[in-house]
Amino acid sequence: MAGWNPGNGTERPSQTKIMAEINVTPMVDVMLVLLVIFMVTAPLLVAGVPVQLPKNSAQRISQPNKPVIVTLAADGGLYIRDEQADAASLISRLSALRSGEGDAVVYLRADKAIPYGEVMELLGRLSASGYQRISLLSQAQDAEAGPQAATPTAKAAQ
């Protein structure tokens, strides 16, 4: 306990023994009370106000059935989803897909043996077809297993 120790009465108040330890117990008590308060109020904040929603006959907004994936194979072959395409008709086919399915993300897969310039040229064509969001697909490398045990990931390029 911090404070003044009168001792035998001969010591002056300026020579008191003050304890230099911090009493942490009140701080821990306050933190536990705050934790309980947050644990009680958090579920109430997520639930919101209960309401009875009306029913309607409007159709749901359709989502594209399959993602638009453009693949540039190692042999130079160009594919939209699983169908082979040529470079001349790529922009028109992608524009037709975009108008039919809406403005979604187009994913670009390119073999690592393809030169960088060709991939950049294909990115320009994808942008010219009207797609604003283009993602480049790659594989994540597992640190322990090496590149053979990689899983696909997407990296956004805009």
C-alpha atoms as a PDB file:
ATOM      1  CA  MET A   1       0.000   0.000   0.000  1.00  0.00           C
ATOM      2  CA  ALA A   2       1.391   3.393  -0.969  1.00  0.00           C
ATOM      3  CA  GLY A   3       1.290   6.274   1.428  1.00  0.00           C
ATOM      4  CA  TRP A   4       2.919   7.817   4.447  1.00  0.00           C
ATOM      5  CA  ASN A   5       4.276   5.640   7.166  1.00  0.00           C
ATOM      6  CA  PRO A   6       4.473   7.645  10.390  1.00  0.00           C
ATOM      7  CA  GLY A   7       7.030   5.293  11.935  1.00  0.00           C
ATOM      8  CA  ASN A   8       8.135   6.449  15.395  1.00  0.00           C
ATOM      9  CA  GLY A   9       7.137  10.073  14.818  1.00  0.00           C
ATOM     10  CA  THR A  10      10.663  11.430  14.314  1.00  0.00           C
ATOM     11  CA  GLU A  11      10.624  11.136  10.534  1.00  0.00           C
ATOM     12  CA  ARG A  12       9.429  14.046   8.499  1.00  0.00           C
ATOM     13  CA  PRO A  13       6.688  13.547   5.856  1.00  0.00           C
ATOM     14  CA  SER A  14       9.219  14.138   3.051  1.00  0.00           C
ATOM     15  CA  GLN A  15      11.071  10.989   4.104  1.00  0.00           C
ATOM     16  CA  THR A  16       8.120   8.622   3.639  1.00  0.00           C
ATOM     17  CA  LYS A  17       8.452   5.230   2.027  1.00  0.00           C
ATOM     18  CA  ILE A  18       6.490   5.107  -1.224  1.00  0.00           C
ATOM     19  CA  MET A  19       5.859   1.814  -2.946  1.00  0.00           C
ATOM     20  CA  ALA A  20       6.807   1.837  -6.635  1.00  0.00           C
ATOM     21  CA  GLU A  21       4.596  -1.071  -7.740  1.00  0.00           C
ATOM     22  CA  ILE A  22       1.531  -0.478  -9.868  1.00  0.00           C
ATOM     23  CA  ASN A  23      -1.706  -1.996  -8.647  1.00  0.00           C
ATOM     24  CA  VAL A  24      -3.116  -3.728 -11.726  1.00  0.00           C
ATOM     25  CA  THR A  25      -6.187  -5.258 -10.107  1.00  0.00           C
ATOM     26  CA  PRO A  26      -8.552  -2.284 -10.723  1.00  0.00           C
ATOM     27  CA  MET A  27      -7.530  -2.139 -14.381  1.00  0.00           C
ATOM     28  CA  VAL A  28      -8.185  -5.874 -14.822  1.00  0.00           C
ATOM     29  CA  ASP A  29     -11.586  -5.480 -13.137  1.00  0.00           C
ATOM     30  CA  VAL A  30     -12.555  -2.666 -15.520  1.00  0.00           C
ATOM     31  CA  MET A  31     -11.417  -4.670 -18.557  1.00  0.00           C
ATOM     32  CA  LEU A  32     -13.442  -7.712 -17.483  1.00  0.00           C
ATOM     33  CA  VAL A  33     -16.551  -5.576 -17.000  1.00  0.00           C
ATOM     34  CA  LEU A  34     -16.075  -4.064 -20.480  1.00  0.00           C
ATOM     35  CA  LEU A  35     -15.607  -7.537 -21.941  1.00  0.00           C
ATOM     36  CA  VAL A  36     -18.881  -8.724 -20.413  1.00  0.00           C
ATOM     37  CA  ILE A  37     -20.685  -5.629 -21.701  1.00  0.00           C
ATOM     38  CA  PHE A  38     -19.413  -6.193 -25.235  1.00  0.00           C
ATOM     39  CA  MET A  39     -20.266  -9.900 -25.107  1.00  0.00           C
ATOM     40  CA  VAL A  40     -23.834  -9.088 -24.131  1.00  0.00           C
ATOM     41  CA  THR A  41     -24.399  -6.236 -26.616  1.00  0.00           C
ATOM     42  CA  ALA A  42     -22.644  -7.703 -29.694  1.00  0.00           C
ATOM     43  CA  PRO A  43     -25.401 -10.213 -30.595  1.00  0.00           C
ATOM     44  CA  LEU A  44     -28.011  -7.476 -30.272  1.00  0.00           C
ATOM     45  CA  LEU A  45     -26.177  -5.251 -32.745  1.00  0.00           C
ATOM     46  CA  VAL A  46     -25.957  -7.966 -35.416  1.00  0.00           C
ATOM     47  CA  ALA A  47     -29.571  -9.130 -35.228  1.00  0.00           C
ATOM     48  CA  GLY A  48     -31.100  -5.780 -36.167  1.00  0.00           C
ATOM     49  CA  VAL A  49     -34.777  -4.958 -35.989  1.00  0.00           C
ATOM     50  CA  PRO A  50     -37.135  -7.859 -36.724  1.00  0.00           C
ATOM     51  CA  VAL A  51     -39.495  -7.064 -39.611  1.00  0.00           C
ATOM     52  CA  GLN A  52     -41.887  -9.028 -41.799  1.00  0.00           C
ATOM     53  CA  LEU A  53     -40.705  -8.572 -45.382  1.00  0.00           C
ATOM     54  CA  PRO A  54     -43.313  -8.419 -48.148  1.00  0.00           C
ATOM     55  CA  LYS A  55     -43.403 -11.035 -50.888  1.00  0.00           C
ATOM     56  CA  ASN A  56     -43.135 -10.125 -54.563  1.00  0.00           C
ATOM     57  CA  SER A  57     -43.189 -11.878 -57.899  1.00  0.00           C
ATOM     58  CA  ALA A  58     -40.112 -10.187 -59.395  1.00  0.00           C
ATOM     59  CA  GLN A  59     -37.463 -12.501 -60.749  1.00  0.00           C
ATOM     60  CA  ARG A  60     -34.097 -12.676 -59.103  1.00  0.00           C
ATOM     61  CA  ILE A  61     -31.155 -10.932 -60.655  1.00  0.00           C
ATOM     62  CA  SER A  62     -29.315 -13.573 -62.612  1.00  0.00           C
ATOM     63  CA  GLN A  63     -25.679 -14.228 -61.997  1.00  0.00           C
ATOM     64  CA  PRO A  64     -23.423 -15.566 -64.737  1.00  0.00           C
ATOM     65  CA  ASN A  65     -23.457 -19.344 -64.736  1.00  0.00           C
ATOM     66  CA  LYS A  66     -19.774 -19.664 -65.449  1.00  0.00           C
ATOM     67  CA  PRO A  67     -16.989 -17.154 -64.911  1.00  0.00           C
ATOM     68  CA  VAL A  68     -15.445 -15.658 -68.019  1.00  0.00           C
ATOM     69  CA  ILE A  69     -11.955 -17.155 -68.210  1.00  0.00           C
ATOM     70  CA  VAL A  70      -9.639 -16.322 -71.080  1.00  0.00           C
ATOM     71  CA  THR A  71      -6.692 -18.721 -71.403  1.00  0.00           C
ATOM     72  CA  LEU A  72      -3.488 -18.229 -73.362  1.00  0.00           C
ATOM     73  CA  ALA A  73      -1.941 -21.706 -73.661  1.00  0.00           C
ATOM     74  CA  ALA A  74       1.753 -22.503 -74.005  1.00  0.00           C
ATOM     75  CA  ASP A  75       1.329 -23.307 -77.718  1.00  0.00           C
ATOM     76  CA  GLY A  76      -0.216 -19.868 -78.310  1.00  0.00           C
ATOM     77  CA  GLY A  77      -3.793 -21.132 -78.411  1.00  0.00           C
ATOM     78  CA  LEU A  78      -6.434 -18.716 -77.173  1.00  0.00           C
ATOM     79  CA  TYR A  79      -9.510 -19.979 -75.328  1.00  0.00           C
ATOM     80  CA  ILE A  80     -12.656 -18.313 -73.956  1.00  0.00           C
ATOM     81  CA  ARG A  81     -13.897 -20.611 -71.216  1.00  0.00           C
ATOM     82  CA  ASP A  82     -13.371 -24.015 -72.880  1.00  0.00           C
ATOM     83  CA  GLU A  83     -13.903 -22.926 -76.501  1.00  0.00           C
ATOM     84  CA  GLN A  84     -10.995 -22.113 -78.759  1.00  0.00           C
ATOM     85  CA  ALA A  85     -10.991 -18.602 -80.217  1.00  0.00           C
ATOM     86  CA  ASP A  86      -8.825 -16.676 -82.621  1.00  0.00           C
ATOM     87  CA  ALA A  87      -7.283 -13.287 -81.930  1.00  0.00           C
ATOM     88  CA  ALA A  88      -9.360 -11.556 -84.627  1.00  0.00           C
ATOM     89  CA  SER A  89     -12.737 -12.470 -83.126  1.00  0.00           C
ATOM     90  CA  LEU A  90     -11.731 -12.204 -79.455  1.00  0.00           C
ATOM     91  CA  ILE A  91     -12.996  -8.657 -78.865  1.00  0.00           C
ATOM     92  CA  SER A  92     -16.330  -9.237 -80.571  1.00  0.00           C
ATOM     93  CA  ARG A  93     -16.960 -12.528 -78.720  1.00  0.00           C
ATOM     94  CA  LEU A  94     -16.085 -11.005 -75.354  1.00  0.00           C
ATOM     95  CA  SER A  95     -18.285  -7.978 -76.058  1.00  0.00           C
ATOM     96  CA  ALA A  96     -21.171 -10.321 -76.847  1.00  0.00           C
ATOM     97  CA  LEU A  97     -20.581 -12.234 -73.608  1.00  0.00           C
ATOM     98  CA  ARG A  98     -20.456  -8.982 -71.643  1.00  0.00           C
ATOM     99  CA  SER A  99     -23.701  -7.704 -73.127  1.00  0.00           C
ATOM    100  CA  GLY A 100     -25.430 -11.047 -72.540  1.00  0.00           C
ATOM    101  CA  GLU A 101     -24.240 -11.732 -68.988  1.00  0.00           C
ATOM    102  CA  GLY A 102     -23.513  -8.273 -67.673  1.00  0.00           C
ATOM    103  CA  ASP A 103     -20.329  -6.577 -66.613  1.00  0.00           C
ATOM    104  CA  ALA A 104     -18.496  -9.176 -64.539  1.00  0.00           C
ATOM    105  CA  VAL A 105     -14.881  -9.991 -63.912  1.00  0.00           C
ATOM    106  CA  VAL A 106     -12.878 -11.589 -66.688  1.00  0.00           C
ATOM    107  CA  TYR A 107     -10.096 -13.899 -65.525  1.00  0.00           C
ATOM    108  CA  LEU A 108      -6.898 -14.223 -67.544  1.00  0.00           C
ATOM    109  CA  ARG A 109      -4.795 -17.371 -67.399  1.00  0.00           C
ATOM    110  CA  ALA A 110      -1.516 -17.433 -69.273  1.00  0.00           C
ATOM    111  CA  ASP A 111       1.152 -20.111 -69.348  1.00  0.00           C
ATOM    112  CA  LYS A 112       4.416 -19.015 -67.759  1.00  0.00           C
ATOM    113  CA  ALA A 113       6.264 -19.799 -71.015  1.00  0.00           C
ATOM    114  CA  ILE A 114       4.310 -17.056 -72.858  1.00  0.00           C
ATOM    115  CA  PRO A 115       6.347 -13.855 -73.307  1.00  0.00           C
ATOM    116  CA  TYR A 116       5.297 -10.859 -71.209  1.00  0.00           C
ATOM    117  CA  GLY A 117       4.553  -8.747 -74.275  1.00  0.00           C
ATOM    118  CA  GLU A 118       1.924 -11.169 -75.552  1.00  0.00           C
ATOM    119  CA  VAL A 119       0.182 -11.233 -72.161  1.00  0.00           C
ATOM    120  CA  MET A 120       0.120  -7.425 -72.071  1.00  0.00           C
ATOM    121  CA  GLU A 121      -1.295  -7.333 -75.620  1.00  0.00           C
ATOM    122  CA  LEU A 122      -4.055  -9.735 -74.551  1.00  0.00           C
ATOM    123  CA  LEU A 123      -4.785  -7.525 -71.507  1.00  0.00           C
ATOM    124  CA  GLY A 124      -5.256  -4.604 -73.892  1.00  0.00           C
ATOM    125  CA  ARG A 125      -7.712  -6.615 -75.981  1.00  0.00           C
ATOM    126  CA  LEU A 126      -9.686  -7.613 -72.874  1.00  0.00           C
ATOM    127  CA  SER A 127      -9.919  -3.969 -71.870  1.00  0.00           C
ATOM    128  CA  ALA A 128     -10.977  -3.002 -75.417  1.00  0.00           C
ATOM    129  CA  SER A 129     -13.838  -5.500 -75.238  1.00  0.00           C
ATOM    130  CA  GLY A 130     -15.421  -3.414 -72.462  1.00  0.00           C
ATOM    131  CA  TYR A 131     -14.440  -5.306 -69.327  1.00  0.00           C
ATOM    132  CA  GLN A 132     -13.364  -2.945 -66.562  1.00  0.00           C
ATOM    133  CA  ARG A 133     -12.338  -5.602 -64.044  1.00  0.00           C
ATOM    134  CA  ILE A 134      -9.639  -8.022 -65.160  1.00  0.00           C
ATOM    135  CA  SER A 135      -7.975 -10.509 -62.814  1.00  0.00           C
ATOM    136  CA  LEU A 136      -4.817 -12.454 -63.483  1.00  0.00           C
ATOM    137  CA  LEU A 137      -4.837 -16.041 -62.224  1.00  0.00           C
ATOM    138  CA  SER A 138      -1.771 -17.667 -60.729  1.00  0.00           C
ATOM    139  CA  GLN A 139      -0.928 -20.505 -58.392  1.00  0.00           C
ATOM    140  CA  ALA A 140       0.100 -20.065 -54.775  1.00  0.00           C
ATOM    141  CA  GLN A 141       3.322 -21.820 -53.963  1.00  0.00           C
ATOM    142  CA  ASP A 142       3.335 -23.933 -50.812  1.00  0.00           C
ATOM    143  CA  ALA A 143       6.546 -23.247 -48.887  1.00  0.00           C
ATOM    144  CA  GLU A 144       7.020 -26.855 -47.741  1.00  0.00           C
ATOM    145  CA  ALA A 145       5.858 -28.848 -50.758  1.00  0.00           C
ATOM    146  CA  GLY A 146       7.228 -26.701 -53.575  1.00  0.00           C
ATOM    147  CA  PRO A 147       5.537 -25.626 -56.800  1.00  0.00           C
ATOM    148  CA  GLN A 148       3.959 -29.038 -57.508  1.00  0.00           C
ATOM    149  CA  ALA A 149       1.448 -28.700 -54.618  1.00  0.00           C
ATOM    150  CA  ALA A 150       0.215 -25.226 -55.512  1.00  0.00           C
ATOM    151  CA  THR A 151      -3.412 -24.102 -55.357  1.00  0.00           C
ATOM    152  CA  PRO A 152      -5.025 -21.567 -57.697  1.00  0.00           C
ATOM    153  CA  THR A 153      -5.405 -17.982 -56.509  1.00  0.00           C
ATOM    154  CA  ALA A 154      -6.501 -14.761 -58.158  1.00  0.00           C
ATOM    155  CA  LYS A 155      -4.602 -11.497 -58.248  1.00  0.00           C
ATOM    156  CA  ALA A 156      -6.530  -8.432 -59.343  1.00  0.00           C
ATOM    157  CA  ALA A 157      -5.090  -6.209 -62.029  1.00  0.00           C
ATOM    158  CA  GLN A 158      -6.906  -3.019 -62.791  1.00  0.00           C
END
